[in-house]
Protein backbone atom coordinates (compact mmCIF):
# COMPACT_ATOMS: atom_id res chain seq x y z
CA MET A 1 0.00 0.00 0.00
CA PRO A 2 1.49 3.39 -0.96
CA PRO A 3 2.15 5.67 2.04
CA ILE A 4 -0.94 7.54 3.19
CA GLY A 5 -1.78 9.59 6.27
CA LEU A 6 -4.91 10.62 8.14
CA VAL A 7 -5.54 14.13 9.47
CA LEU A 8 -7.47 14.43 12.71
CA GLY A 9 -8.50 17.30 14.96
CA ASN A 10 -10.32 19.71 12.67
CA ASP A 11 -13.77 18.53 13.80
CA PRO A 12 -14.58 20.32 17.11
CA SER A 13 -17.30 17.77 17.91
CA ALA A 14 -14.80 14.89 18.25
CA ASN A 15 -13.06 14.67 21.64
CA VAL A 16 -9.49 13.47 22.17
CA ARG A 17 -10.52 9.96 23.26
CA GLU A 18 -12.51 9.56 20.05
CA LEU A 19 -9.60 10.91 18.00
CA ALA A 20 -7.23 8.42 19.63
CA ARG A 21 -9.59 5.61 18.61
CA ASP A 22 -9.51 7.03 15.08
CA ALA A 23 -5.71 6.92 15.13
CA VAL A 24 -5.89 3.26 16.15
CA ALA A 25 -8.32 2.58 13.29
CA ALA A 26 -5.93 4.27 10.84
CA GLU A 27 -3.06 2.15 12.13
CA ARG A 28 -5.08 -1.03 11.68
CA ALA A 29 -5.98 0.04 8.15
CA GLY A 30 -2.28 0.35 7.29
CA PHE A 31 -1.98 4.13 7.27
CA GLN A 32 1.55 5.44 7.76
CA MET A 33 0.81 8.57 9.78
CA ALA A 34 -1.78 10.10 12.08
CA PHE A 35 -1.47 13.87 11.77
CA PHE A 36 -3.15 16.25 14.19
CA SER A 37 -4.42 19.47 12.62
CA GLU A 38 -3.89 22.34 15.04
CA THR A 39 -5.45 25.33 13.29
CA MET A 40 -6.26 29.01 13.83
CA ALA A 41 -9.73 27.90 14.93
CA SER A 42 -8.66 27.33 18.57
CA ASN A 43 -9.54 23.65 18.50
CA ARG A 44 -7.96 21.08 20.81
CA ASP A 45 -4.27 21.18 21.71
CA SER A 46 -2.00 19.11 19.48
CA VAL A 47 0.48 18.05 22.17
CA THR A 48 -2.20 16.56 24.40
CA ALA A 49 -3.75 14.81 21.41
CA LEU A 50 -0.42 13.37 20.23
CA ALA A 51 0.24 12.03 23.73
CA ALA A 52 -3.10 10.24 23.58
CA PHE A 53 -2.30 8.88 20.11
CA ALA A 54 1.13 7.70 21.28
CA LEU A 55 -0.33 5.69 24.14
CA ALA A 56 -3.15 4.22 22.02
CA THR A 57 -1.06 3.13 19.02
CA GLU A 58 2.05 1.04 18.45
CA ALA A 59 3.51 1.65 15.01
CA ILE A 60 1.86 4.53 13.15
CA GLU A 61 3.95 7.69 12.77
CA LEU A 62 2.69 10.83 14.51
CA SER A 63 2.91 14.51 13.63
CA ALA A 64 1.27 17.90 14.08
CA ILE A 65 1.94 21.48 13.11
CA GLN A 66 3.61 23.53 15.83
CA VAL A 67 3.66 27.28 15.15
CA VAL A 68 6.95 28.69 16.41
CA ARG A 69 6.98 31.38 19.12
CA LEU A 70 3.87 29.93 20.75
CA ARG A 71 6.35 27.86 22.75
CA THR A 72 9.91 28.88 23.59
CA PRO A 73 12.63 26.93 21.75
CA LEU A 74 13.47 25.10 24.98
CA LEU A 75 9.85 24.17 25.67
CA LEU A 76 9.42 23.11 22.03
CA ALA A 77 12.47 20.84 22.28
CA GLU A 78 11.31 19.46 25.66
CA THR A 79 7.87 18.75 24.22
CA ALA A 80 9.18 17.13 21.05
CA ALA A 81 11.71 14.98 22.92
CA THR A 82 9.10 13.87 25.46
CA LEU A 83 6.54 12.95 22.80
CA ASP A 84 9.20 11.12 20.80
CA GLU A 85 10.18 9.19 23.91
CA LEU A 86 6.53 8.40 24.63
CA CYS A 87 5.86 7.01 21.15
CA GLY A 88 9.19 5.22 20.76
CA GLY A 89 10.66 7.40 18.03
CA ARG A 90 7.61 7.83 15.79
CA LEU A 91 7.36 11.65 15.89
CA THR A 92 7.86 14.13 13.06
CA LEU A 93 7.76 17.85 13.86
CA ALA A 94 5.98 20.09 11.37
CA LEU A 95 6.98 23.65 12.20
CA GLY A 96 5.07 26.63 10.84
CA ALA A 97 5.92 30.32 10.70
CA PHE A 98 4.57 32.77 13.27
CA THR A 99 2.55 35.23 11.19
CA LYS A 100 0.84 38.52 11.91
CA ARG A 101 -2.46 36.65 12.24
CA HIS A 102 -0.94 34.38 14.89
CA ALA A 103 0.37 37.43 16.76
CA GLN A 104 -3.08 39.01 16.77
CA ARG A 105 -4.77 35.77 17.78
CA HIS A 106 -2.45 35.12 20.71
CA GLY A 107 -1.93 38.71 21.85
CA LEU A 108 1.80 38.68 21.07
CA GLU A 109 4.09 41.13 19.35
CA PRO A 110 4.73 40.25 15.70
CA SER A 111 8.14 39.16 14.45
CA LYS A 112 9.71 38.47 11.07
CA PRO A 113 8.18 35.09 10.14
CA ALA A 114 11.08 33.67 8.12
CA THR A 115 13.76 34.77 10.59
CA THR A 116 11.84 33.48 13.61
CA LEU A 117 11.17 30.14 11.93
CA ARG A 118 14.80 29.67 10.90
CA GLU A 119 16.13 30.49 14.38
CA TYR A 120 13.64 28.17 16.10
CA VAL A 121 14.49 25.29 13.77
CA GLU A 122 18.23 25.76 14.28
CA VAL A 123 17.99 26.00 18.07
CA THR A 124 15.46 23.17 18.47
CA ARG A 125 17.68 20.83 16.45
CA ARG A 126 20.69 21.70 18.57
CA LEU A 127 18.79 21.29 21.84
CA LEU A 128 17.62 17.83 20.78
CA THR A 129 21.23 16.65 20.65
CA GLY A 130 21.31 17.04 24.43
CA GLU A 131 24.31 19.37 24.26
CA PRO A 132 24.41 22.94 25.70
CA VAL A 133 23.34 25.57 23.18
CA ARG A 134 24.85 29.03 22.79
CA TYR A 135 22.98 31.05 20.22
CA HIS A 136 22.58 34.77 19.61
CA GLY A 137 20.01 35.49 16.94
CA GLU A 138 17.55 38.28 16.34
CA TYR A 139 14.78 36.58 18.35
CA VAL A 140 16.45 33.64 20.10
CA ARG A 141 19.32 34.06 22.56
CA MET A 142 20.75 31.27 24.66
CA ASP A 143 23.90 30.88 26.74
CA GLY A 144 24.54 27.25 27.54
CA THR A 145 20.93 26.05 27.73
CA ALA A 146 20.52 22.26 27.55
CA LEU A 147 18.00 19.51 28.16
CA ALA A 148 18.55 17.67 31.43
CA TRP A 149 18.31 14.25 29.77
CA ARG A 150 19.44 12.59 26.57
CA PRO A 151 16.51 12.50 24.11
CA HIS A 152 15.36 9.21 22.58
CA ARG A 153 16.56 10.50 19.20
CA ALA A 154 19.02 13.33 18.60
CA ARG A 155 17.49 13.98 15.18
CA ILE A 156 13.70 14.20 15.01
CA PRO A 157 12.62 14.96 11.41
CA ILE A 158 11.42 18.53 10.93
CA TRP A 159 9.10 19.43 8.09
CA ILE A 160 8.45 23.07 7.26
CA ALA A 161 4.78 23.95 6.78
CA ALA A 162 4.81 26.16 3.69
CA ASN A 163 2.00 28.01 1.94
CA SER A 164 4.06 30.83 0.42
CA ALA A 165 7.11 31.25 -1.79
CA GLY A 166 9.12 32.27 1.26
CA GLY A 167 8.01 29.18 3.17
CA LEU A 168 9.02 26.91 0.30
CA ALA A 169 12.43 28.60 0.16
CA THR A 170 12.89 28.03 3.90
CA ALA A 171 11.88 24.38 3.57
CA ALA A 172 14.39 23.96 0.76
CA ARG A 173 17.22 25.41 2.84
CA ILE A 174 16.65 23.93 6.30
CA GLY A 175 13.81 21.38 6.31
CA ASP A 176 13.91 17.61 6.31
CA GLY A 177 10.77 17.95 4.24
CA VAL A 178 7.87 20.22 3.42
CA LEU A 179 4.22 20.16 4.42
CA LEU A 180 2.08 21.66 1.65
CA ASP A 181 -1.23 23.28 2.47
CA GLY A 182 -4.69 21.93 1.77
CA ALA A 183 -7.42 23.37 -0.47
CA THR A 184 -4.99 23.17 -3.37
CA SER A 185 -4.80 21.13 -6.55
CA PRO A 186 -2.29 18.60 -7.87
CA GLU A 187 -1.17 21.30 -10.32
CA TYR A 188 -0.38 23.55 -7.34
CA ALA A 189 1.55 20.71 -5.70
CA ARG A 190 3.64 20.21 -8.84
CA ALA A 191 4.48 23.93 -9.02
CA ALA A 192 5.29 24.17 -5.29
CA ILE A 193 7.50 21.08 -5.40
CA ALA A 194 9.38 22.44 -8.43
CA ARG A 195 10.08 25.66 -6.50
CA MET A 196 11.29 23.75 -3.47
CA ARG A 197 13.52 21.45 -5.50
CA ALA A 198 15.10 24.42 -7.29
CA GLY A 199 15.68 26.10 -3.94
CA ALA A 200 17.30 22.97 -2.52
CA GLU A 201 19.64 22.66 -5.49
CA ALA A 202 20.58 26.35 -5.17
CA ALA A 203 21.39 25.73 -1.49
CA GLY A 204 23.58 22.75 -2.38
CA ARG A 205 21.13 20.18 -1.02
CA ASP A 206 19.81 17.03 -2.66
CA PRO A 207 16.10 17.67 -3.36
CA ASP A 208 15.47 13.92 -3.49
CA GLY A 209 16.30 13.78 0.21
CA LEU A 210 13.41 16.08 1.16
CA LYS A 211 10.05 14.52 2.06
CA VAL A 212 6.96 16.03 0.47
CA ALA A 213 3.75 15.72 2.47
CA GLN A 214 0.52 17.48 1.63
CA LEU A 215 -2.71 18.11 3.47
CA VAL A 216 -5.50 17.04 1.11
CA ASN A 217 -9.10 17.94 1.78
CA VAL A 218 -11.13 14.80 1.17
CA SER A 219 -14.86 14.27 0.97
CA ILE A 220 -16.03 10.73 0.25
CA ALA A 221 -19.69 9.81 -0.16
CA LYS A 222 -21.99 7.57 -2.17
CA THR A 223 -22.71 10.42 -4.60
CA ARG A 224 -20.59 13.31 -5.81
CA ARG A 225 -23.36 15.76 -4.87
CA GLU A 226 -23.32 14.65 -1.23
CA ALA A 227 -19.53 14.82 -1.16
CA LEU A 228 -19.47 18.32 -2.65
CA ASP A 229 -21.96 19.64 -0.10
CA ALA A 230 -19.80 18.29 2.72
CA VAL A 231 -16.50 19.78 1.54
CA ARG A 232 -17.79 23.22 0.53
CA PRO A 233 -17.54 24.88 4.01
CA GLU A 234 -13.97 23.72 4.56
CA ILE A 235 -12.66 24.85 1.17
CA ALA A 236 -14.43 28.21 1.38
CA SER A 237 -13.03 28.85 4.86
CA ARG A 238 -9.50 28.86 3.43
CA PHE A 239 -10.33 32.01 1.46
CA ARG A 240 -11.46 34.25 4.30
CA HIS A 241 -8.12 36.03 4.47
CA PRO A 242 -6.06 37.47 1.61
CA GLN A 243 -2.52 36.19 2.31
CA PRO A 244 -3.03 32.40 2.10
CA ALA A 245 -5.32 32.67 -0.90
CA THR A 246 -3.05 35.12 -2.78
CA ALA A 247 0.00 32.97 -2.04
CA ARG A 248 -1.70 29.98 -3.68
CA ALA A 249 -2.10 31.89 -6.92
CA GLU A 250 1.46 33.25 -6.78
CA ILE A 251 2.98 29.79 -6.31
CA GLY A 252 1.06 28.35 -9.24
CA GLU A 253 -2.52 27.43 -8.40
CA PRO A 254 -4.18 27.59 -11.83
CA HIS A 255 -7.71 27.22 -10.47
CA VAL A 256 -7.63 30.36 -8.29
CA ASP A 257 -7.62 33.75 -9.98
CA ALA A 258 -5.52 36.10 -7.86
CA ARG A 259 -7.85 38.95 -8.87
CA ALA A 260 -10.80 37.12 -7.30
CA VAL A 261 -9.18 36.77 -3.89
CA ALA A 262 -10.14 40.27 -2.78
CA ASP A 263 -13.75 39.54 -3.72
CA TYR A 264 -13.74 36.34 -1.65
CA VAL A 265 -12.37 38.20 1.38
CA ALA A 266 -14.85 41.04 0.96
CA THR A 267 -17.75 38.61 0.59
CA PHE A 268 -16.82 36.92 3.87
CA ARG A 269 -16.32 40.19 5.75
CA GLU A 270 -19.53 41.77 4.49
CA HIS A 271 -21.89 38.81 4.22
CA GLY A 272 -20.43 35.90 6.20
CA GLN A 273 -19.46 32.28 5.64
CA GLU A 274 -22.60 31.09 3.85
CA ALA A 275 -22.32 33.84 1.24
CA LEU A 276 -18.66 32.95 0.71
CA GLU A 277 -19.54 29.29 0.22
CA ARG A 278 -21.99 30.21 -2.55
CA ARG A 279 -19.10 31.77 -4.48
CA PHE A 280 -17.47 28.35 -4.96
CA SER A 281 -18.60 26.37 -7.98
CA ASP A 282 -18.65 22.59 -8.02
CA GLU A 283 -15.79 22.69 -10.53
CA LEU A 284 -13.59 24.75 -8.19
CA LEU A 285 -14.33 22.48 -5.23
CA LEU A 286 -13.37 19.44 -7.28
CA ALA A 287 -10.16 21.15 -8.39
CA LEU A 288 -9.05 22.00 -4.84
CA SER A 289 -9.83 18.69 -3.15
CA ALA A 290 -10.31 14.95 -3.52
CA THR A 291 -14.09 14.76 -3.59
CA GLY A 292 -16.63 12.23 -4.82
CA THR A 293 -17.21 8.50 -4.61
CA ALA A 294 -14.55 6.16 -3.23
CA GLU A 295 -13.22 5.43 -6.71
CA GLU A 296 -13.13 9.12 -7.65
CA VAL A 297 -11.27 9.98 -4.46
CA ARG A 298 -8.72 7.22 -5.06
CA GLU A 299 -8.11 8.51 -8.58
CA ARG A 300 -7.68 12.03 -7.29
CA ILE A 301 -5.15 11.02 -4.65
CA ALA A 302 -3.22 9.25 -7.41
CA ALA A 303 -3.04 12.62 -9.20
CA TYR A 304 -1.42 14.23 -6.12
CA ARG A 305 1.10 11.40 -6.01
CA ALA A 306 1.84 11.86 -9.71
CA ALA A 307 2.52 15.54 -9.01
CA GLY A 308 5.31 14.54 -6.61
CA VAL A 309 3.60 14.24 -3.22
CA ASP A 310 5.25 11.44 -1.22
CA LEU A 311 2.73 11.35 1.61
CA PRO A 312 -0.84 12.57 1.04
CA LEU A 313 -2.43 13.42 4.41
CA LEU A 314 -6.17 12.96 4.03
CA ARG A 315 -8.39 15.37 5.92
CA PRO A 316 -12.02 14.14 5.79
CA ALA A 317 -14.71 16.79 5.54
CA ARG A 318 -16.86 15.11 8.20
CA HIS A 319 -16.17 12.58 10.92
CA GLU A 320 -18.74 10.14 9.54
CA GLN A 321 -16.64 9.90 6.37
CA LEU A 322 -13.78 8.30 8.29
CA ALA A 323 -14.95 4.68 8.04
CA PRO A 324 -15.45 4.71 4.24
CA LEU A 325 -12.19 6.60 3.82
CA LEU A 326 -10.21 4.02 5.80
CA ALA A 327 -11.94 1.22 3.90
CA ALA A 328 -11.16 2.80 0.54
CA PHE A 329 -7.45 3.30 1.20
CA GLY A 330 -6.85 0.49 3.66
CA GLU A 331 -8.01 -2.06 1.12
CA ARG A 332 -6.57 -0.72 -2.10
CA GLY A 333 -4.22 2.20 -1.38
């Protein structure tokens, strides 16, 4: 079975115990990774959820996005090392930039996203070796700080969550891999991967050594109409703010007109979510997701793989879609 992952945590109605059972179900179905989606929506905490997944499962890999600056570098390293110890070396960190929206959401002062991300990655990696760290950057300063124990692994893989040209450049220079954003097409994935590979080569790195994972919005149902209705709110919600949507078009998303982004944002601000959802045609929803019957979804995931995605991370539109999703990919891949 080709590598496949399951994304959990975006449904606020599912509690952590239920999500842990879902991780077990994914493991039994042969999925490679259970990925917790910690979003701007203030849903459940990823660290607590990953601890629950670690105790409930035995072999499936675990990951979640951690936005830097929401934890200090030392706390981030302590957390990562503890989770990796708990799950027996199955953790991958997916680190995301601290943006102006994160600063506003958390009541913190903004910082330069690329610089902050780079410094956190460098310091976290060094702390995980167990050796004292001396570091004097623009945002991170340490003088001999060290973990008090030797971590289970000195090198936990770090993916860079990237939804902009700058993020892809950072992933190319310092990441063990990249995590591409959802609500995007296989054509977008191909363009983003080409940018990252070019950046890696320019930095003197082997692009073949970088893992490519992608969040893929999935909606699986008996009919395409039912599947489209389920995925519409999630796809539309990704166009409430200008930066992520504009970045998609700039990187190479052929299905999103950059000139329409301002209209999407204005529609949401002036008329709300339901009005924004009505702006999305069935054709656009199909382009930005894997939506339809089980066979149609399998074919669509194959298109993401063909674009260069090593590990599609499937994010079901509704919790009740989980069982048919696991059946579809657990049986045939």
